[in-house]
Amino acid sequence: MGYSNVALKDKIMEMYPEIGGHGISMGIDFNRELKTYDIKLRKNSHELVTHLEKIDADECMDNIKCIYLGVKIGEFIKNFEEKEMPA
């Protein structure tokens, strides 16, 4: 299946609206060596880089949610919110 990094990013943002809803920016690069997509989530000084296997990216483009990616996004949001909460 052929698609661009931009198309994959748009699909992930569509499937996981909580990314934009929490003001998180996302970048995607294809790692030719590992044959994975490197997904970078960032908000302020907080950053998470995770890898998405090509088969998972293909399924994402077919509207099948990637549980691994969803968990990573949820963890990032939770960790970010915990660090931002006043003591």
C-alpha atoms as a PDB file:
ATOM      1  CA  MET A   1       0.000   0.000   0.000  1.00  0.00           C
ATOM      2  CA  GLY A   2       1.408   3.397  -0.969  1.00  0.00           C
ATOM      3  CA  TYR A   3       0.709   6.572   0.973  1.00  0.00           C
ATOM      4  CA  SER A   4       2.635   9.593   2.143  1.00  0.00           C
ATOM      5  CA  ASN A   5       3.708  10.491   5.667  1.00  0.00           C
ATOM      6  CA  VAL A   6       1.251  13.390   5.495  1.00  0.00           C
ATOM      7  CA  ALA A   7      -1.634  11.045   4.620  1.00  0.00           C
ATOM      8  CA  LEU A   8      -0.690   8.741   7.513  1.00  0.00           C
ATOM      9  CA  LYS A   9      -0.457  11.698   9.902  1.00  0.00           C
ATOM     10  CA  ASP A  10      -3.876  12.959   8.771  1.00  0.00           C
ATOM     11  CA  LYS A  11      -5.376   9.486   9.277  1.00  0.00           C
ATOM     12  CA  ILE A  12      -3.865   9.131  12.764  1.00  0.00           C
ATOM     13  CA  MET A  13      -5.128  12.607  13.721  1.00  0.00           C
ATOM     14  CA  GLU A  14      -8.577  11.606  12.452  1.00  0.00           C
ATOM     15  CA  MET A  15      -8.569   8.308  14.368  1.00  0.00           C
ATOM     16  CA  TYR A  16      -7.100   9.777  17.559  1.00  0.00           C
ATOM     17  CA  PRO A  17      -8.616  13.288  17.886  1.00  0.00           C
ATOM     18  CA  GLU A  18      -7.356  13.497  21.463  1.00  0.00           C
ATOM     19  CA  ILE A  19      -3.942  14.387  20.005  1.00  0.00           C
ATOM     20  CA  GLY A  20      -5.172  17.709  18.661  1.00  0.00           C
ATOM     21  CA  GLY A  21      -7.667  18.107  21.487  1.00  0.00           C
ATOM     22  CA  HIS A  22      -4.797  18.288  23.965  1.00  0.00           C
ATOM     23  CA  GLY A  23      -2.707  20.624  21.800  1.00  0.00           C
ATOM     24  CA  ILE A  24      -0.123  17.967  21.002  1.00  0.00           C
ATOM     25  CA  SER A  25       1.896  18.272  17.814  1.00  0.00           C
ATOM     26  CA  MET A  26       2.829  15.183  15.859  1.00  0.00           C
ATOM     27  CA  GLY A  27       5.526  14.464  13.302  1.00  0.00           C
ATOM     28  CA  ILE A  28       6.082  11.299  11.272  1.00  0.00           C
ATOM     29  CA  ASP A  29       9.197  10.070   9.491  1.00  0.00           C
ATOM     30  CA  PHE A  30       9.767   6.743   7.785  1.00  0.00           C
ATOM     31  CA  ASN A  31      12.787   4.927   9.219  1.00  0.00           C
ATOM     32  CA  ARG A  32      14.257   3.083   6.226  1.00  0.00           C
ATOM     33  CA  GLU A  33      16.676   1.105   8.393  1.00  0.00           C
ATOM     34  CA  LEU A  34      14.001  -0.306  10.716  1.00  0.00           C
ATOM     35  CA  LYS A  35      11.197  -0.100   8.126  1.00  0.00           C
ATOM     36  CA  THR A  36       8.964   1.579  10.698  1.00  0.00           C
ATOM     37  CA  TYR A  37       7.311   4.945  11.017  1.00  0.00           C
ATOM     38  CA  ASP A  38       8.829   7.079  13.772  1.00  0.00           C
ATOM     39  CA  ILE A  39       6.044   9.048  15.415  1.00  0.00           C
ATOM     40  CA  LYS A  40       7.013  12.023  17.539  1.00  0.00           C
ATOM     41  CA  LEU A  41       4.451  13.552  19.881  1.00  0.00           C
ATOM     42  CA  ARG A  42       5.327  16.868  21.500  1.00  0.00           C
ATOM     43  CA  LYS A  43       3.735  19.364  23.826  1.00  0.00           C
ATOM     44  CA  ASN A  44       5.844  22.142  25.308  1.00  0.00           C
ATOM     45  CA  SER A  45       9.042  20.485  26.573  1.00  0.00           C
ATOM     46  CA  HIS A  46       7.481  17.009  26.740  1.00  0.00           C
ATOM     47  CA  GLU A  47       8.206  14.589  23.913  1.00  0.00           C
ATOM     48  CA  LEU A  48       7.517  10.961  23.104  1.00  0.00           C
ATOM     49  CA  VAL A  49       8.975   9.090  20.144  1.00  0.00           C
ATOM     50  CA  THR A  50       7.465   5.728  19.293  1.00  0.00           C
ATOM     51  CA  HIS A  51       7.621   3.402  16.323  1.00  0.00           C
ATOM     52  CA  LEU A  52       4.733   2.173  14.214  1.00  0.00           C
ATOM     53  CA  GLU A  53       5.316  -1.000  12.238  1.00  0.00           C
ATOM     54  CA  LYS A  54       4.515  -0.764   8.516  1.00  0.00           C
ATOM     55  CA  ILE A  55       1.772  -3.389   8.842  1.00  0.00           C
ATOM     56  CA  ASP A  56       0.140  -1.320  11.615  1.00  0.00           C
ATOM     57  CA  ALA A  57       0.410   1.818   9.489  1.00  0.00           C
ATOM     58  CA  ASP A  58      -1.217  -0.039   6.585  1.00  0.00           C
ATOM     59  CA  GLU A  59      -4.088  -1.110   8.853  1.00  0.00           C
ATOM     60  CA  CYS A  60      -4.434   2.435  10.140  1.00  0.00           C
ATOM     61  CA  MET A  61      -4.861   3.633   6.552  1.00  0.00           C
ATOM     62  CA  ASP A  62      -7.609   0.987   6.241  1.00  0.00           C
ATOM     63  CA  ASN A  63      -9.392   2.518   9.298  1.00  0.00           C
ATOM     64  CA  ILE A  64      -8.240  -0.177  11.733  1.00  0.00           C
ATOM     65  CA  LYS A  65      -7.071   1.397  14.979  1.00  0.00           C
ATOM     66  CA  CYS A  66      -3.628   0.428  16.189  1.00  0.00           C
ATOM     67  CA  ILE A  67      -3.998  -0.491  19.852  1.00  0.00           C
ATOM     68  CA  TYR A  68      -0.272  -0.069  20.533  1.00  0.00           C
ATOM     69  CA  LEU A  69      -0.300   3.491  19.185  1.00  0.00           C
ATOM     70  CA  GLY A  70      -3.513   4.313  21.045  1.00  0.00           C
ATOM     71  CA  VAL A  71      -1.952   3.136  24.311  1.00  0.00           C
ATOM     72  CA  LYS A  72       1.179   5.223  23.697  1.00  0.00           C
ATOM     73  CA  ILE A  73      -0.917   8.306  22.940  1.00  0.00           C
ATOM     74  CA  GLY A  74      -2.988   7.728  26.092  1.00  0.00           C
ATOM     75  CA  GLU A  75       0.165   7.315  28.222  1.00  0.00           C
ATOM     76  CA  PHE A  76       1.663  10.510  26.828  1.00  0.00           C
ATOM     77  CA  ILE A  77      -1.491  12.496  27.542  1.00  0.00           C
ATOM     78  CA  LYS A  78      -1.785  11.047  31.056  1.00  0.00           C
ATOM     79  CA  ASN A  79       1.877  11.705  31.876  1.00  0.00           C
ATOM     80  CA  PHE A  80       1.682  15.207  30.485  1.00  0.00           C
ATOM     81  CA  GLU A  81      -1.464  16.031  32.456  1.00  0.00           C
ATOM     82  CA  GLU A  82       0.055  14.639  35.683  1.00  0.00           C
ATOM     83  CA  LYS A  83       3.154  16.828  35.267  1.00  0.00           C
ATOM     84  CA  GLU A  84       1.054  19.902  34.548  1.00  0.00           C
ATOM     85  CA  MET A  85      -1.282  19.511  37.534  1.00  0.00           C
ATOM     86  CA  PRO A  86      -0.568  21.859  40.446  1.00  0.00           C
ATOM     87  CA  ALA A  87       0.626  20.156  43.630  1.00  0.00           C
END
